[in-house]
Amino acid sequence: MKSTHTLVEVLVDGEWRVIDPEFVVIPHNAADGSYATADDMRAATRAKNWSALRYEWLTERGDFFARRYYLDYPLVFANTYDQNHGTLKAPLDPDAVSKFYVPIGSLPPPGAYGVYALQCAPGAATATSVIDGTPKTFDCDAAGIAHTTKATTDEPQGGEVVLQPQRFVFPWDGTCNILSACSP
């Protein structure tokens, strides 16, 4: 999945802990309560094992925004990027894209407002689409997916396919998310 999200490791009492600074959450392995790693988060998401992790929300607001994010919170960890080496860790197999997205082809006017992504044409490095009337070009990731966006119309221009992310954990009602003004 193509999404930019940051996890940081913080040294607490001599132990490295992963913390999500955007939603102010610490992930734990549900089986034993240990601190989860980015690898644990990626593995649970790819296996669609939504109960493998539990989340320690450090603020009410983080939980509120994560539940209303444009993607189910765990899905931002399907692909993890290793900043120290400049590479994806175990890139998502392009054939696995169907685990997380439903292809809908294109979304011509008047489409339904929602969250959409583009599946790049085979072998393409970029994808171009007219999104809400504006032509845009995006880089394709290792799984052949380009930028996830909220839109009403999304018309691919060169063999791309519009995809809709599946929701597994939190339903999205389209009225409130991290990018709009919300209050708990």
C-alpha atoms as a PDB file:
ATOM      1  CA  MET A   1       0.000   0.000   0.000  1.00  0.00           C
ATOM      2  CA  LYS A   2       1.240   3.469  -0.767  1.00  0.00           C
ATOM      3  CA  SER A   3       0.910   5.665   2.256  1.00  0.00           C
ATOM      4  CA  THR A   4       3.361   7.860   4.080  1.00  0.00           C
ATOM      5  CA  HIS A   5       3.316   7.238   7.789  1.00  0.00           C
ATOM      6  CA  THR A   6       6.107   7.374  10.358  1.00  0.00           C
ATOM      7  CA  LEU A   7       7.033   5.060  13.186  1.00  0.00           C
ATOM      8  CA  VAL A   8       9.867   5.952  15.537  1.00  0.00           C
ATOM      9  CA  GLU A   9      11.866   3.851  17.943  1.00  0.00           C
ATOM     10  CA  VAL A  10      12.371   5.328  21.393  1.00  0.00           C
ATOM     11  CA  LEU A  11      14.790   3.986  23.985  1.00  0.00           C
ATOM     12  CA  VAL A  12      12.823   3.573  27.242  1.00  0.00           C
ATOM     13  CA  ASP A  13      14.469   1.927  30.254  1.00  0.00           C
ATOM     14  CA  GLY A  14      17.092   0.329  28.003  1.00  0.00           C
ATOM     15  CA  GLU A  15      14.504  -1.141  25.613  1.00  0.00           C
ATOM     16  CA  TRP A  16      13.660   0.068  22.107  1.00  0.00           C
ATOM     17  CA  ARG A  17       9.923   0.656  21.626  1.00  0.00           C
ATOM     18  CA  VAL A  18       8.084   1.501  18.445  1.00  0.00           C
ATOM     19  CA  ILE A  19       5.815   4.530  18.808  1.00  0.00           C
ATOM     20  CA  ASP A  20       3.532   6.057  16.213  1.00  0.00           C
ATOM     21  CA  PRO A  21       3.937   9.827  16.744  1.00  0.00           C
ATOM     22  CA  GLU A  22       1.049  10.771  14.453  1.00  0.00           C
ATOM     23  CA  PHE A  23      -1.598   8.883  16.433  1.00  0.00           C
ATOM     24  CA  VAL A  24       0.423   8.681  19.662  1.00  0.00           C
ATOM     25  CA  VAL A  25       0.111   4.920  20.010  1.00  0.00           C
ATOM     26  CA  ILE A  26       2.369   2.072  21.100  1.00  0.00           C
ATOM     27  CA  PRO A  27       1.685  -1.302  19.421  1.00  0.00           C
ATOM     28  CA  HIS A  28       1.908  -4.514  21.453  1.00  0.00           C
ATOM     29  CA  ASN A  29       1.863  -8.172  20.455  1.00  0.00           C
ATOM     30  CA  ALA A  30      -1.496  -9.406  21.752  1.00  0.00           C
ATOM     31  CA  ALA A  31      -0.231 -12.919  22.569  1.00  0.00           C
ATOM     32  CA  ASP A  32       2.263 -11.868  25.244  1.00  0.00           C
ATOM     33  CA  GLY A  33       1.929  -8.081  25.622  1.00  0.00           C
ATOM     34  CA  SER A  34       5.483  -7.465  24.391  1.00  0.00           C
ATOM     35  CA  TYR A  35       6.259  -4.348  22.397  1.00  0.00           C
ATOM     36  CA  ALA A  36       5.585  -4.899  18.708  1.00  0.00           C
ATOM     37  CA  THR A  37       8.177  -4.107  16.066  1.00  0.00           C
ATOM     38  CA  ALA A  38       7.556  -2.681  12.597  1.00  0.00           C
ATOM     39  CA  ASP A  39       8.141  -6.233  11.326  1.00  0.00           C
ATOM     40  CA  ASP A  40       5.409  -7.536  13.672  1.00  0.00           C
ATOM     41  CA  MET A  41       3.028  -4.857  12.403  1.00  0.00           C
ATOM     42  CA  ARG A  42       3.793  -5.633   8.749  1.00  0.00           C
ATOM     43  CA  ALA A  43       3.410  -9.403   9.280  1.00  0.00           C
ATOM     44  CA  ALA A  44       0.065  -9.059  11.082  1.00  0.00           C
ATOM     45  CA  THR A  45      -1.324  -6.763   8.386  1.00  0.00           C
ATOM     46  CA  ARG A  46      -0.205  -8.966   5.506  1.00  0.00           C
ATOM     47  CA  ALA A  47      -1.749 -11.995   7.216  1.00  0.00           C
ATOM     48  CA  LYS A  48      -4.940  -9.975   7.861  1.00  0.00           C
ATOM     49  CA  ASN A  49      -4.555 -11.066  11.476  1.00  0.00           C
ATOM     50  CA  TRP A  50      -6.287  -8.059  13.026  1.00  0.00           C
ATOM     51  CA  SER A  51      -6.193  -9.561  16.525  1.00  0.00           C
ATOM     52  CA  ALA A  52      -2.402 -10.194  16.562  1.00  0.00           C
ATOM     53  CA  LEU A  53      -1.721  -6.682  17.844  1.00  0.00           C
ATOM     54  CA  ARG A  54      -3.294  -4.480  20.437  1.00  0.00           C
ATOM     55  CA  TYR A  55      -2.752  -0.768  20.619  1.00  0.00           C
ATOM     56  CA  GLU A  56      -1.943   1.357  23.651  1.00  0.00           C
ATOM     57  CA  TRP A  57      -3.445   4.735  22.788  1.00  0.00           C
ATOM     58  CA  LEU A  58      -1.615   7.422  24.729  1.00  0.00           C
ATOM     59  CA  THR A  59      -4.293  10.007  23.965  1.00  0.00           C
ATOM     60  CA  GLU A  60      -8.013   9.796  23.276  1.00  0.00           C
ATOM     61  CA  ARG A  61      -7.535  11.960  20.225  1.00  0.00           C
ATOM     62  CA  GLY A  62      -5.107   9.480  18.636  1.00  0.00           C
ATOM     63  CA  ASP A  63      -7.636   6.667  18.908  1.00  0.00           C
ATOM     64  CA  PHE A  64     -10.361   8.958  17.576  1.00  0.00           C
ATOM     65  CA  PHE A  65      -8.350   9.963  14.493  1.00  0.00           C
ATOM     66  CA  ALA A  66      -6.994   6.465  13.796  1.00  0.00           C
ATOM     67  CA  ARG A  67     -10.523   5.050  13.729  1.00  0.00           C
ATOM     68  CA  ARG A  68     -11.529   7.751  11.223  1.00  0.00           C
ATOM     69  CA  TYR A  69      -8.379   7.688   9.094  1.00  0.00           C
ATOM     70  CA  TYR A  70      -8.848   7.268   5.350  1.00  0.00           C
ATOM     71  CA  LEU A  71      -7.393   3.733   5.598  1.00  0.00           C
ATOM     72  CA  ASP A  72      -7.800   1.178   8.337  1.00  0.00           C
ATOM     73  CA  TYR A  73      -4.935   2.020  10.663  1.00  0.00           C
ATOM     74  CA  PRO A  74      -3.105  -1.343  10.358  1.00  0.00           C
ATOM     75  CA  LEU A  75      -3.063  -1.099   6.546  1.00  0.00           C
ATOM     76  CA  VAL A  76      -0.453   1.665   6.580  1.00  0.00           C
ATOM     77  CA  PHE A  77       2.013  -1.041   7.661  1.00  0.00           C
ATOM     78  CA  ALA A  78       1.525  -3.476   4.755  1.00  0.00           C
ATOM     79  CA  ASN A  79       4.778  -2.071   3.327  1.00  0.00           C
ATOM     80  CA  THR A  80       7.443  -0.747   5.682  1.00  0.00           C
ATOM     81  CA  TYR A  81      10.366   1.345   4.524  1.00  0.00           C
ATOM     82  CA  ASP A  82      13.793   1.007   6.125  1.00  0.00           C
ATOM     83  CA  GLN A  83      15.091   4.579   6.298  1.00  0.00           C
ATOM     84  CA  ASN A  84      18.629   3.453   7.186  1.00  0.00           C
ATOM     85  CA  HIS A  85      18.987   1.404   4.016  1.00  0.00           C
ATOM     86  CA  GLY A  86      16.658   3.325   1.687  1.00  0.00           C
ATOM     87  CA  THR A  87      14.630   0.237   0.766  1.00  0.00           C
ATOM     88  CA  LEU A  88      11.289  -1.391   1.379  1.00  0.00           C
ATOM     89  CA  LYS A  89      11.519  -4.246   3.847  1.00  0.00           C
ATOM     90  CA  ALA A  90      10.074  -7.345   2.149  1.00  0.00           C
ATOM     91  CA  PRO A  91       8.090  -5.476  -0.557  1.00  0.00           C
ATOM     92  CA  LEU A  92       4.467  -6.513  -0.947  1.00  0.00           C
ATOM     93  CA  ASP A  93       4.031  -9.047  -3.731  1.00  0.00           C
ATOM     94  CA  PRO A  94       2.049  -7.403  -6.573  1.00  0.00           C
ATOM     95  CA  ASP A  95      -0.250 -10.456  -6.650  1.00  0.00           C
ATOM     96  CA  ALA A  96      -1.194  -9.740  -3.021  1.00  0.00           C
ATOM     97  CA  VAL A  97      -2.720  -6.364  -3.931  1.00  0.00           C
ATOM     98  CA  SER A  98      -6.129  -8.027  -4.247  1.00  0.00           C
ATOM     99  CA  LYS A  99      -5.981  -8.806  -0.500  1.00  0.00           C
ATOM    100  CA  PHE A 100      -6.323  -5.109   0.298  1.00  0.00           C
ATOM    101  CA  TYR A 101      -8.032  -3.476  -2.715  1.00  0.00           C
ATOM    102  CA  VAL A 102     -11.093  -4.008  -4.904  1.00  0.00           C
ATOM    103  CA  PRO A 103     -10.563  -2.976  -8.560  1.00  0.00           C
ATOM    104  CA  ILE A 104     -13.333  -0.733  -9.837  1.00  0.00           C
ATOM    105  CA  GLY A 105     -11.767   0.302 -13.184  1.00  0.00           C
ATOM    106  CA  SER A 106     -12.430   4.027 -13.255  1.00  0.00           C
ATOM    107  CA  LEU A 107     -14.615   6.481 -11.433  1.00  0.00           C
ATOM    108  CA  PRO A 108     -16.129   8.804 -14.046  1.00  0.00           C
ATOM    109  CA  PRO A 109     -18.374  11.726 -13.121  1.00  0.00           C
ATOM    110  CA  PRO A 110     -20.461  11.702 -11.075  1.00  0.00           C
ATOM    111  CA  GLY A 111     -18.618   9.173  -8.936  1.00  0.00           C
ATOM    112  CA  ALA A 112     -19.005   8.513  -5.259  1.00  0.00           C
ATOM    113  CA  TYR A 113     -16.816  10.509  -2.887  1.00  0.00           C
ATOM    114  CA  GLY A 114     -14.396   8.111  -1.252  1.00  0.00           C
ATOM    115  CA  VAL A 115     -10.850   6.850  -0.927  1.00  0.00           C
ATOM    116  CA  TYR A 116      -9.195   5.488  -4.058  1.00  0.00           C
ATOM    117  CA  ALA A 117      -5.795   4.383  -5.316  1.00  0.00           C
ATOM    118  CA  LEU A 118      -4.400   3.575  -8.736  1.00  0.00           C
ATOM    119  CA  GLN A 119      -2.970   0.259  -9.823  1.00  0.00           C
ATOM    120  CA  CYS A 120      -0.209   1.089 -12.265  1.00  0.00           C
ATOM    121  CA  ALA A 121      -0.110  -0.346 -15.758  1.00  0.00           C
ATOM    122  CA  PRO A 122       2.165  -3.417 -15.859  1.00  0.00           C
ATOM    123  CA  GLY A 123       5.826  -2.354 -15.743  1.00  0.00           C
ATOM    124  CA  ALA A 124       5.019   1.366 -15.406  1.00  0.00           C
ATOM    125  CA  ALA A 125       7.039   3.608 -13.085  1.00  0.00           C
ATOM    126  CA  THR A 126       4.287   6.243 -12.882  1.00  0.00           C
ATOM    127  CA  ALA A 127       0.506   6.433 -13.109  1.00  0.00           C
ATOM    128  CA  THR A 128      -1.533   9.323 -14.493  1.00  0.00           C
ATOM    129  CA  SER A 129      -5.172  10.035 -13.758  1.00  0.00           C
ATOM    130  CA  VAL A 130      -7.563  12.962 -13.848  1.00  0.00           C
ATOM    131  CA  ILE A 131      -8.676  13.330 -10.232  1.00  0.00           C
ATOM    132  CA  ASP A 132     -11.613  15.642  -9.615  1.00  0.00           C
ATOM    133  CA  GLY A 133     -10.826  17.371 -12.917  1.00  0.00           C
ATOM    134  CA  THR A 134      -7.064  17.826 -12.340  1.00  0.00           C
ATOM    135  CA  PRO A 135      -4.483  15.687 -14.189  1.00  0.00           C
ATOM    136  CA  LYS A 136      -1.985  14.172 -11.744  1.00  0.00           C
ATOM    137  CA  THR A 137       0.975  11.834 -12.076  1.00  0.00           C
ATOM    138  CA  PHE A 138       2.186   9.622  -9.239  1.00  0.00           C
ATOM    139  CA  ASP A 139       5.119   7.265  -8.705  1.00  0.00           C
ATOM    140  CA  CYS A 140       4.305   3.548  -8.549  1.00  0.00           C
ATOM    141  CA  ASP A 141       5.533   1.562  -5.548  1.00  0.00           C
ATOM    142  CA  ALA A 142       7.054  -1.930  -5.574  1.00  0.00           C
ATOM    143  CA  ALA A 143       3.575  -3.491  -5.568  1.00  0.00           C
ATOM    144  CA  GLY A 144       2.463  -1.405  -8.567  1.00  0.00           C
ATOM    145  CA  ILE A 145       0.229   0.930  -6.551  1.00  0.00           C
ATOM    146  CA  ALA A 146       0.242   4.705  -6.894  1.00  0.00           C
ATOM    147  CA  HIS A 147      -0.924   7.359  -4.445  1.00  0.00           C
ATOM    148  CA  THR A 148      -4.064   6.868  -2.332  1.00  0.00           C
ATOM    149  CA  THR A 149      -6.382   9.881  -2.435  1.00  0.00           C
ATOM    150  CA  LYS A 150      -9.877  11.048  -1.532  1.00  0.00           C
ATOM    151  CA  ALA A 151     -11.857  12.014  -4.609  1.00  0.00           C
ATOM    152  CA  THR A 152     -15.187  12.073  -6.404  1.00  0.00           C
ATOM    153  CA  THR A 153     -13.810  11.300  -9.862  1.00  0.00           C
ATOM    154  CA  ASP A 154     -10.694   9.370 -10.824  1.00  0.00           C
ATOM    155  CA  GLU A 155     -10.192   8.698 -14.534  1.00  0.00           C
ATOM    156  CA  PRO A 156      -7.036   6.725 -15.429  1.00  0.00           C
ATOM    157  CA  GLN A 157      -5.181   7.892 -18.525  1.00  0.00           C
ATOM    158  CA  GLY A 158      -2.849   5.060 -19.535  1.00  0.00           C
ATOM    159  CA  GLY A 159      -3.806   1.530 -18.532  1.00  0.00           C
ATOM    160  CA  GLU A 160      -4.132   2.202 -14.808  1.00  0.00           C
ATOM    161  CA  VAL A 161      -7.037   0.797 -12.796  1.00  0.00           C
ATOM    162  CA  VAL A 162      -8.811   2.625  -9.970  1.00  0.00           C
ATOM    163  CA  LEU A 163      -8.808   0.618  -6.753  1.00  0.00           C
ATOM    164  CA  GLN A 164     -10.844   1.025  -3.602  1.00  0.00           C
ATOM    165  CA  PRO A 165      -9.124   0.053  -0.334  1.00  0.00           C
ATOM    166  CA  GLN A 166     -11.011  -2.580   1.618  1.00  0.00           C
ATOM    167  CA  ARG A 167     -11.961  -1.833   5.216  1.00  0.00           C
ATOM    168  CA  PHE A 168     -11.339  -4.606   7.720  1.00  0.00           C
ATOM    169  CA  VAL A 169     -11.141  -2.974  11.141  1.00  0.00           C
ATOM    170  CA  PHE A 170     -12.931   0.386  11.198  1.00  0.00           C
ATOM    171  CA  PRO A 171     -15.765   1.385   8.836  1.00  0.00           C
ATOM    172  CA  TRP A 172     -15.289   4.748   7.117  1.00  0.00           C
ATOM    173  CA  ASP A 173     -18.387   6.892   6.826  1.00  0.00           C
ATOM    174  CA  GLY A 174     -16.690   9.563   4.713  1.00  0.00           C
ATOM    175  CA  THR A 175     -17.577  12.395   7.084  1.00  0.00           C
ATOM    176  CA  CYS A 176     -14.526  12.746   9.318  1.00  0.00           C
ATOM    177  CA  ASN A 177     -10.882  11.746   9.046  1.00  0.00           C
ATOM    178  CA  ILE A 178      -7.384  12.897   9.934  1.00  0.00           C
ATOM    179  CA  LEU A 179      -7.383  15.395   7.050  1.00  0.00           C
ATOM    180  CA  SER A 180     -10.564  17.200   8.078  1.00  0.00           C
ATOM    181  CA  ALA A 181     -11.652  19.035  11.198  1.00  0.00           C
ATOM    182  CA  CYS A 182     -12.986  16.589  13.772  1.00  0.00           C
ATOM    183  CA  SER A 183     -13.565  16.735  17.468  1.00  0.00           C
ATOM    184  CA  PRO A 184     -14.146  13.824  19.830  1.00  0.00           C
END
